[in-house]
């Protein structure tokens, strides 16, 4: 099976045999995505909660700082070109978007307006425990980490370390989310 999507700046081809395709179209720039990103089966556990547009994994960025949010969006789009990246500006919006769009992973700041990221994480995980949450924060105090993990966060990354840790953690969480649903 081959799936090809054409975006304004890139072409994405999904196939079980990407080595074969690379040889045929080596003169063009393409982004190859593993087929597992797109393969979801219907099971009793996910009936009623499935997304209707399951072609692309989704990542939600919940960050109130617009410059950082847009930078994260661009960086994640480049790092994971097969993913749809969603945005939320506050904790309440993060919960609404997460419950409405069912992202695979949420990147959550703690210090969000209207509802802090720990409470938003708690609400998201209570309703949809399969959504992975990465807390991305400036808070280094161990109590914040404890509160985030207690709320259901799957990872806790300090913003000062995000350049080395965020993309690898997102890759692992996306793979585990896909493995669970396929």
C-alpha atoms as a PDB file:
ATOM      1  CA  UNK A   1       0.000   0.000   0.000  1.00  0.00           C
ATOM      2  CA  UNK A   2       1.228   3.474  -0.862  1.00  0.00           C
ATOM      3  CA  UNK A   3      -0.237   6.685   0.471  1.00  0.00           C
ATOM      4  CA  UNK A   4       0.927   9.981  -0.985  1.00  0.00           C
ATOM      5  CA  UNK A   5       0.001  13.400   0.364  1.00  0.00           C
ATOM      6  CA  UNK A   6       1.060  16.622  -1.287  1.00  0.00           C
ATOM      7  CA  UNK A   7       1.480  19.643   0.946  1.00  0.00           C
ATOM      8  CA  UNK A   8       2.422  23.165  -0.191  1.00  0.00           C
ATOM      9  CA  UNK A   9       6.087  22.637   0.721  1.00  0.00           C
ATOM     10  CA  UNK A  10       6.537  18.868   0.719  1.00  0.00           C
ATOM     11  CA  UNK A  11       5.339  15.543  -0.566  1.00  0.00           C
ATOM     12  CA  UNK A  12       4.848  12.756   1.939  1.00  0.00           C
ATOM     13  CA  UNK A  13       4.865   9.166   0.781  1.00  0.00           C
ATOM     14  CA  UNK A  14       3.942   6.356   3.102  1.00  0.00           C
ATOM     15  CA  UNK A  15       4.743   2.826   2.119  1.00  0.00           C
ATOM     16  CA  UNK A  16       5.765  -0.488   3.564  1.00  0.00           C
ATOM     17  CA  UNK A  17       8.557  -0.549   0.979  1.00  0.00           C
ATOM     18  CA  UNK A  18      10.244   2.850   1.271  1.00  0.00           C
ATOM     19  CA  UNK A  19      13.620   1.458   0.120  1.00  0.00           C
ATOM     20  CA  UNK A  20      12.084   0.580  -3.231  1.00  0.00           C
ATOM     21  CA  UNK A  21      10.459   3.989  -3.598  1.00  0.00           C
ATOM     22  CA  UNK A  22      13.664   5.836  -2.694  1.00  0.00           C
ATOM     23  CA  UNK A  23      15.438   4.157  -5.614  1.00  0.00           C
ATOM     24  CA  UNK A  24      12.712   5.056  -8.088  1.00  0.00           C
ATOM     25  CA  UNK A  25      12.363   8.718  -7.156  1.00  0.00           C
ATOM     26  CA  UNK A  26      15.865   9.529  -5.950  1.00  0.00           C
ATOM     27  CA  UNK A  27      15.992  12.784  -7.950  1.00  0.00           C
ATOM     28  CA  UNK A  28      13.249  14.378  -5.868  1.00  0.00           C
ATOM     29  CA  UNK A  29      13.080  15.440  -2.246  1.00  0.00           C
ATOM     30  CA  UNK A  30      10.521  13.379  -0.409  1.00  0.00           C
ATOM     31  CA  UNK A  31       9.774  12.695   3.200  1.00  0.00           C
ATOM     32  CA  UNK A  32       9.227   9.052   3.985  1.00  0.00           C
ATOM     33  CA  UNK A  33       7.087   8.183   6.975  1.00  0.00           C
ATOM     34  CA  UNK A  34       6.799   4.731   8.459  1.00  0.00           C
ATOM     35  CA  UNK A  35       3.524   3.026   7.658  1.00  0.00           C
ATOM     36  CA  UNK A  36       2.974   2.360  11.377  1.00  0.00           C
ATOM     37  CA  UNK A  37       2.273   6.085  11.830  1.00  0.00           C
ATOM     38  CA  UNK A  38      -0.866   5.643   9.758  1.00  0.00           C
ATOM     39  CA  UNK A  39      -2.064   2.167  10.685  1.00  0.00           C
ATOM     40  CA  UNK A  40      -4.857   2.051  13.252  1.00  0.00           C
ATOM     41  CA  UNK A  41      -7.272  -0.773  13.750  1.00  0.00           C
ATOM     42  CA  UNK A  42     -10.694  -0.544  15.267  1.00  0.00           C
ATOM     43  CA  UNK A  43     -10.850  -2.447  18.536  1.00  0.00           C
ATOM     44  CA  UNK A  44     -13.460  -2.648  21.246  1.00  0.00           C
ATOM     45  CA  UNK A  45     -11.362  -0.344  23.409  1.00  0.00           C
ATOM     46  CA  UNK A  46     -11.223   2.502  20.897  1.00  0.00           C
ATOM     47  CA  UNK A  47     -14.675   2.349  19.297  1.00  0.00           C
ATOM     48  CA  UNK A  48     -16.421   5.630  19.971  1.00  0.00           C
ATOM     49  CA  UNK A  49     -13.147   7.458  20.644  1.00  0.00           C
ATOM     50  CA  UNK A  50     -11.519   6.989  17.260  1.00  0.00           C
ATOM     51  CA  UNK A  51     -10.562   9.912  15.094  1.00  0.00           C
ATOM     52  CA  UNK A  52     -12.215  10.091  11.736  1.00  0.00           C
ATOM     53  CA  UNK A  53      -9.092  11.544  10.095  1.00  0.00           C
ATOM     54  CA  UNK A  54      -6.543   8.989  11.196  1.00  0.00           C
ATOM     55  CA  UNK A  55      -4.047   9.675   8.445  1.00  0.00           C
ATOM     56  CA  UNK A  56      -1.680  11.764  10.519  1.00  0.00           C
ATOM     57  CA  UNK A  57      -0.591  11.602  14.146  1.00  0.00           C
ATOM     58  CA  UNK A  58      -1.408  14.735  16.107  1.00  0.00           C
ATOM     59  CA  UNK A  59       0.624  16.753  18.571  1.00  0.00           C
ATOM     60  CA  UNK A  60      -0.988  19.522  20.638  1.00  0.00           C
ATOM     61  CA  UNK A  61       1.190  22.364  21.934  1.00  0.00           C
ATOM     62  CA  UNK A  62      -0.269  24.088  25.012  1.00  0.00           C
ATOM     63  CA  UNK A  63       1.847  27.195  25.595  1.00  0.00           C
ATOM     64  CA  UNK A  64       0.746  30.742  26.428  1.00  0.00           C
ATOM     65  CA  UNK A  65       3.895  32.448  25.109  1.00  0.00           C
ATOM     66  CA  UNK A  66       3.086  33.011  21.439  1.00  0.00           C
ATOM     67  CA  UNK A  67       6.697  33.254  20.275  1.00  0.00           C
ATOM     68  CA  UNK A  68       7.658  30.007  21.990  1.00  0.00           C
ATOM     69  CA  UNK A  69       4.460  28.293  20.823  1.00  0.00           C
ATOM     70  CA  UNK A  70       5.106  29.244  17.187  1.00  0.00           C
ATOM     71  CA  UNK A  71       8.772  28.209  17.486  1.00  0.00           C
ATOM     72  CA  UNK A  72       7.745  24.832  18.909  1.00  0.00           C
ATOM     73  CA  UNK A  73       5.155  24.437  16.160  1.00  0.00           C
ATOM     74  CA  UNK A  74       7.769  25.099  13.447  1.00  0.00           C
ATOM     75  CA  UNK A  75      10.369  22.847  15.086  1.00  0.00           C
ATOM     76  CA  UNK A  76       7.929  19.963  15.549  1.00  0.00           C
ATOM     77  CA  UNK A  77       6.620  20.363  11.990  1.00  0.00           C
ATOM     78  CA  UNK A  78      10.171  20.036  10.664  1.00  0.00           C
ATOM     79  CA  UNK A  79      11.026  17.140  12.991  1.00  0.00           C
ATOM     80  CA  UNK A  80       7.759  15.248  12.413  1.00  0.00           C
ATOM     81  CA  UNK A  81       6.521  16.249   8.950  1.00  0.00           C
ATOM     82  CA  UNK A  82       3.849  13.521   9.007  1.00  0.00           C
ATOM     83  CA  UNK A  83       2.157  15.012  12.067  1.00  0.00           C
ATOM     84  CA  UNK A  84      -0.593  17.574  12.388  1.00  0.00           C
ATOM     85  CA  UNK A  85       0.398  20.096  15.043  1.00  0.00           C
ATOM     86  CA  UNK A  86      -2.380  21.800  17.016  1.00  0.00           C
ATOM     87  CA  UNK A  87      -2.151  24.792  19.349  1.00  0.00           C
ATOM     88  CA  UNK A  88      -3.710  25.969  22.611  1.00  0.00           C
ATOM     89  CA  UNK A  89      -3.021  29.253  24.411  1.00  0.00           C
ATOM     90  CA  UNK A  90      -4.306  28.327  27.871  1.00  0.00           C
ATOM     91  CA  UNK A  91      -5.216  25.350  30.004  1.00  0.00           C
ATOM     92  CA  UNK A  92      -8.944  25.438  29.278  1.00  0.00           C
ATOM     93  CA  UNK A  93      -8.327  25.563  25.536  1.00  0.00           C
ATOM     94  CA  UNK A  94      -5.820  22.701  25.860  1.00  0.00           C
ATOM     95  CA  UNK A  95      -8.455  20.498  27.499  1.00  0.00           C
ATOM     96  CA  UNK A  96     -11.089  21.405  24.891  1.00  0.00           C
ATOM     97  CA  UNK A  97      -8.755  20.802  21.956  1.00  0.00           C
ATOM     98  CA  UNK A  98      -7.403  17.563  23.445  1.00  0.00           C
ATOM     99  CA  UNK A  99     -10.858  16.130  24.107  1.00  0.00           C
ATOM    100  CA  UNK A 100     -12.196  17.328  20.748  1.00  0.00           C
ATOM    101  CA  UNK A 101      -9.278  16.487  18.445  1.00  0.00           C
ATOM    102  CA  UNK A 102      -7.738  13.539  20.366  1.00  0.00           C
ATOM    103  CA  UNK A 103      -4.044  14.225  19.751  1.00  0.00           C
ATOM    104  CA  UNK A 104      -1.548  11.443  20.255  1.00  0.00           C
ATOM    105  CA  UNK A 105       0.713  13.678  22.371  1.00  0.00           C
ATOM    106  CA  UNK A 106       0.237  16.963  24.231  1.00  0.00           C
ATOM    107  CA  UNK A 107       3.197  19.240  25.000  1.00  0.00           C
ATOM    108  CA  UNK A 108       1.966  21.090  28.100  1.00  0.00           C
ATOM    109  CA  UNK A 109       3.385  24.147  29.876  1.00  0.00           C
ATOM    110  CA  UNK A 110       2.641  24.356  33.603  1.00  0.00           C
ATOM    111  CA  UNK A 111       2.149  28.110  33.971  1.00  0.00           C
ATOM    112  CA  UNK A 112      -0.888  28.549  31.723  1.00  0.00           C
ATOM    113  CA  UNK A 113      -3.676  31.107  32.169  1.00  0.00           C
ATOM    114  CA  UNK A 114      -7.266  30.079  33.011  1.00  0.00           C
ATOM    115  CA  UNK A 115      -6.173  26.601  34.139  1.00  0.00           C
ATOM    116  CA  UNK A 116      -2.627  25.520  34.973  1.00  0.00           C
ATOM    117  CA  UNK A 117      -0.972  22.747  32.996  1.00  0.00           C
ATOM    118  CA  UNK A 118      -1.055  20.255  35.854  1.00  0.00           C
ATOM    119  CA  UNK A 119      -4.819  20.568  36.241  1.00  0.00           C
ATOM    120  CA  UNK A 120      -5.259  20.462  32.447  1.00  0.00           C
ATOM    121  CA  UNK A 121      -3.140  17.284  32.345  1.00  0.00           C
ATOM    122  CA  UNK A 122      -5.274  15.737  35.087  1.00  0.00           C
ATOM    123  CA  UNK A 123      -8.501  16.479  33.171  1.00  0.00           C
ATOM    124  CA  UNK A 124      -7.143  15.217  29.847  1.00  0.00           C
ATOM    125  CA  UNK A 125      -5.788  11.991  31.332  1.00  0.00           C
ATOM    126  CA  UNK A 126      -9.011  11.368  33.274  1.00  0.00           C
ATOM    127  CA  UNK A 127     -11.107  11.518  30.096  1.00  0.00           C
ATOM    128  CA  UNK A 128      -8.616  10.048  27.591  1.00  0.00           C
ATOM    129  CA  UNK A 129      -5.815   8.167  29.343  1.00  0.00           C
ATOM    130  CA  UNK A 130      -4.273   7.070  26.030  1.00  0.00           C
ATOM    131  CA  UNK A 131      -3.211  10.626  25.193  1.00  0.00           C
ATOM    132  CA  UNK A 132       0.451  11.085  26.110  1.00  0.00           C
ATOM    133  CA  UNK A 133       1.355  14.304  27.943  1.00  0.00           C
ATOM    134  CA  UNK A 134       4.809  15.877  28.029  1.00  0.00           C
ATOM    135  CA  UNK A 135       5.155  18.668  30.561  1.00  0.00           C
ATOM    136  CA  UNK A 136       7.565  21.304  29.214  1.00  0.00           C
ATOM    137  CA  UNK A 137       8.346  23.881  31.877  1.00  0.00           C
ATOM    138  CA  UNK A 138      10.822  26.227  33.521  1.00  0.00           C
ATOM    139  CA  UNK A 139       9.953  24.879  36.972  1.00  0.00           C
ATOM    140  CA  UNK A 140      12.828  22.845  38.402  1.00  0.00           C
ATOM    141  CA  UNK A 141      11.427  22.277  41.906  1.00  0.00           C
ATOM    142  CA  UNK A 142      10.776  18.588  42.540  1.00  0.00           C
ATOM    143  CA  UNK A 143       7.234  19.318  43.755  1.00  0.00           C
ATOM    144  CA  UNK A 144       6.207  20.393  40.236  1.00  0.00           C
ATOM    145  CA  UNK A 145       7.568  17.146  38.799  1.00  0.00           C
ATOM    146  CA  UNK A 146       5.744  15.140  41.482  1.00  0.00           C
ATOM    147  CA  UNK A 147       2.489  17.013  40.825  1.00  0.00           C
ATOM    148  CA  UNK A 148       2.815  16.521  37.054  1.00  0.00           C
ATOM    149  CA  UNK A 149       3.462  12.785  37.355  1.00  0.00           C
ATOM    150  CA  UNK A 150       0.585  12.442  39.846  1.00  0.00           C
ATOM    151  CA  UNK A 151      -1.676  14.219  37.332  1.00  0.00           C
ATOM    152  CA  UNK A 152      -0.688  11.648  34.699  1.00  0.00           C
ATOM    153  CA  UNK A 153       2.163  13.264  32.765  1.00  0.00           C
ATOM    154  CA  UNK A 154       4.206  10.767  30.772  1.00  0.00           C
ATOM    155  CA  UNK A 155       7.328  12.960  30.665  1.00  0.00           C
ATOM    156  CA  UNK A 156       8.687  16.088  32.348  1.00  0.00           C
ATOM    157  CA  UNK A 157      11.184  18.247  30.450  1.00  0.00           C
ATOM    158  CA  UNK A 158      12.775  21.486  31.553  1.00  0.00           C
ATOM    159  CA  UNK A 159      12.665  24.201  28.901  1.00  0.00           C
ATOM    160  CA  UNK A 160      16.398  24.755  29.306  1.00  0.00           C
ATOM    161  CA  UNK A 161      16.911  21.135  28.197  1.00  0.00           C
ATOM    162  CA  UNK A 162      14.245  20.963  25.507  1.00  0.00           C
ATOM    163  CA  UNK A 163      16.715  21.246  22.613  1.00  0.00           C
ATOM    164  CA  UNK A 164      18.252  17.905  23.491  1.00  0.00           C
ATOM    165  CA  UNK A 165      15.283  16.105  25.057  1.00  0.00           C
ATOM    166  CA  UNK A 166      11.979  17.135  23.472  1.00  0.00           C
ATOM    167  CA  UNK A 167      12.236  15.581  20.002  1.00  0.00           C
ATOM    168  CA  UNK A 168      13.549  12.188  21.231  1.00  0.00           C
ATOM    169  CA  UNK A 169      10.821  12.038  23.906  1.00  0.00           C
ATOM    170  CA  UNK A 170       8.129  12.939  21.361  1.00  0.00           C
ATOM    171  CA  UNK A 171       9.419  10.241  18.998  1.00  0.00           C
ATOM    172  CA  UNK A 172       9.206   7.592  21.722  1.00  0.00           C
ATOM    173  CA  UNK A 173       5.736   8.706  22.820  1.00  0.00           C
ATOM    174  CA  UNK A 174       4.411   8.825  19.246  1.00  0.00           C
ATOM    175  CA  UNK A 175       5.752   5.315  18.625  1.00  0.00           C
ATOM    176  CA  UNK A 176       4.198   4.007  21.828  1.00  0.00           C
ATOM    177  CA  UNK A 177       0.882   5.702  21.038  1.00  0.00           C
ATOM    178  CA  UNK A 178       0.870   4.129  17.571  1.00  0.00           C
ATOM    179  CA  UNK A 179       1.811   0.705  18.922  1.00  0.00           C
ATOM    180  CA  UNK A 180      -1.063   0.827  21.382  1.00  0.00           C
ATOM    181  CA  UNK A 181      -3.652   1.708  18.738  1.00  0.00           C
ATOM    182  CA  UNK A 182      -2.514  -0.606  15.960  1.00  0.00           C
END
